[in-house]
Amino acid sequence: MTAFFSIAGYLALINLATLGAFSWDKAQARRDGRRISENALLNLSFVGGSPAAKYAQRRFRHKTRKRPFTTQLNAIVVFHVVAGIAAIVFWARGGSLADVVEIGRSLLG
């Protein structure tokens, strides 16, 4: 159960950070200020912030016309959905959440 709360806490924080980054970048774009790189925004999305990234993209109408960015963000969302389904199936078949976390760690390095 502690693994669940650790993952939930991490996802909450990374999504708040992603939402803040998109909001800041949009504000800076309006002011012609210093921007956050697309790569940084995509990295935040990849490490768990994809729900907030998609929400911010729609909410702030930010990066919606940039095709490469939108395509990459959508690919990250698809990856997260597939990984989430795989984790749920693994867990439903008797694997523990800790096993899922360990598999994820081994895949990431």
Protein backbone atom coordinates (compact mmCIF):
# COMPACT_ATOMS: atom_id res chain seq x y z
CA MET A 1 0.00 0.00 0.00
CA THR A 2 2.90 2.37 0.63
CA ALA A 3 4.05 1.87 -2.97
CA PHE A 4 0.62 3.04 -4.13
CA PHE A 5 0.80 6.21 -2.02
CA SER A 6 4.37 6.86 -3.14
CA ILE A 7 3.36 6.59 -6.80
CA ALA A 8 0.23 8.69 -6.27
CA GLY A 9 2.23 11.39 -4.46
CA TYR A 10 4.89 11.41 -7.17
CA LEU A 11 2.27 11.68 -9.92
CA ALA A 12 0.48 14.50 -8.12
CA LEU A 13 3.73 16.48 -7.77
CA ILE A 14 4.96 15.88 -11.33
CA ASN A 15 1.56 16.85 -12.74
CA LEU A 16 1.50 20.06 -10.69
CA ALA A 17 5.02 20.87 -11.92
CA THR A 18 4.00 20.15 -15.53
CA LEU A 19 0.89 22.31 -15.27
CA GLY A 20 2.99 25.12 -13.78
CA ALA A 21 5.59 24.80 -16.54
CA PHE A 22 2.99 24.99 -19.31
CA SER A 23 1.30 27.94 -17.61
CA TRP A 24 4.62 29.78 -17.17
CA ASP A 25 5.65 29.09 -20.76
CA LYS A 26 2.34 30.41 -22.10
CA ALA A 27 2.65 33.56 -19.98
CA GLN A 28 6.22 34.06 -21.19
CA ALA A 29 5.13 33.55 -24.80
CA ARG A 30 2.59 36.36 -24.42
CA ARG A 31 5.25 38.68 -22.92
CA ASP A 32 8.04 37.71 -25.33
CA GLY A 33 9.97 36.52 -22.28
CA ARG A 34 12.38 33.67 -21.69
CA ARG A 35 10.63 30.40 -22.58
CA ILE A 36 10.80 26.82 -21.36
CA SER A 37 12.15 24.55 -24.08
CA GLU A 38 9.83 22.11 -25.81
CA ASN A 39 12.23 19.36 -24.81
CA ALA A 40 11.82 20.24 -21.11
CA LEU A 41 8.03 20.28 -21.45
CA LEU A 42 8.09 16.88 -23.19
CA ASN A 43 10.44 15.47 -20.54
CA LEU A 44 8.07 16.56 -17.77
CA SER A 45 5.27 14.86 -19.68
CA PHE A 46 7.27 11.67 -20.16
CA VAL A 47 8.16 11.26 -16.49
CA GLY A 48 4.49 11.26 -15.53
CA GLY A 49 3.06 14.68 -16.27
CA SER A 50 1.20 13.79 -19.46
CA PRO A 51 -2.32 14.27 -17.99
CA ALA A 52 -1.45 17.80 -16.90
CA ALA A 53 0.32 18.48 -20.20
CA LYS A 54 -2.76 17.53 -22.24
CA TYR A 55 -5.00 19.52 -19.88
CA ALA A 56 -2.72 22.58 -20.09
CA GLN A 57 -2.42 22.30 -23.84
CA ARG A 58 -6.19 22.58 -24.14
CA ARG A 59 -6.79 24.96 -21.22
CA PHE A 60 -4.17 27.50 -22.23
CA ARG A 61 -4.34 26.80 -25.98
CA HIS A 62 -0.63 26.29 -25.84
CA LYS A 63 1.49 24.40 -28.38
CA THR A 64 -1.61 23.28 -30.25
CA ARG A 65 -0.39 24.29 -33.72
CA LYS A 66 3.11 22.86 -33.32
CA ARG A 67 2.68 19.51 -35.09
CA PRO A 68 5.94 17.83 -34.01
CA PHE A 69 5.33 18.79 -30.38
CA THR A 70 1.69 17.65 -30.44
CA THR A 71 2.62 14.37 -32.13
CA GLN A 72 5.35 13.65 -29.56
CA LEU A 73 3.07 14.54 -26.66
CA ASN A 74 0.32 12.30 -28.02
CA ALA A 75 2.84 9.45 -28.37
CA ILE A 76 3.81 9.91 -24.72
CA VAL A 77 0.13 9.77 -23.70
CA VAL A 78 -0.37 6.54 -25.70
CA PHE A 79 2.74 5.05 -24.08
CA HIS A 80 1.43 5.94 -20.61
CA VAL A 81 -1.99 4.45 -21.32
CA VAL A 82 -0.47 1.20 -22.62
CA ALA A 83 1.95 1.01 -19.68
CA GLY A 84 -0.89 1.68 -17.24
CA ILE A 85 -3.05 -1.04 -18.75
CA ALA A 86 -0.12 -3.46 -18.69
CA ALA A 87 0.52 -2.66 -15.02
CA ILE A 88 -3.14 -3.19 -14.14
CA VAL A 89 -3.23 -6.53 -15.98
CA PHE A 90 0.00 -7.62 -14.31
CA TRP A 91 -1.35 -6.64 -10.91
CA ALA A 92 -4.71 -8.35 -11.58
CA ARG A 93 -2.88 -11.59 -12.41
CA GLY A 94 -1.20 -11.69 -9.02
CA GLY A 95 1.80 -9.43 -9.44
CA SER A 96 2.26 -6.86 -6.72
CA LEU A 97 2.50 -3.12 -7.20
CA ALA A 98 6.04 -3.33 -5.86
CA ASP A 99 6.84 -5.77 -8.71
CA VAL A 100 5.50 -3.23 -11.22
CA VAL A 101 7.64 -0.50 -9.69
CA GLU A 102 10.71 -2.75 -9.78
CA ILE A 103 10.12 -3.68 -13.42
CA GLY A 104 9.77 0.01 -14.24
CA ARG A 105 13.01 0.84 -12.47
CA SER A 106 14.86 -1.93 -14.30
CA LEU A 107 13.53 -0.70 -17.65
CA LEU A 108 14.56 2.89 -16.95
CA GLY A 109 18.08 2.05 -16.00
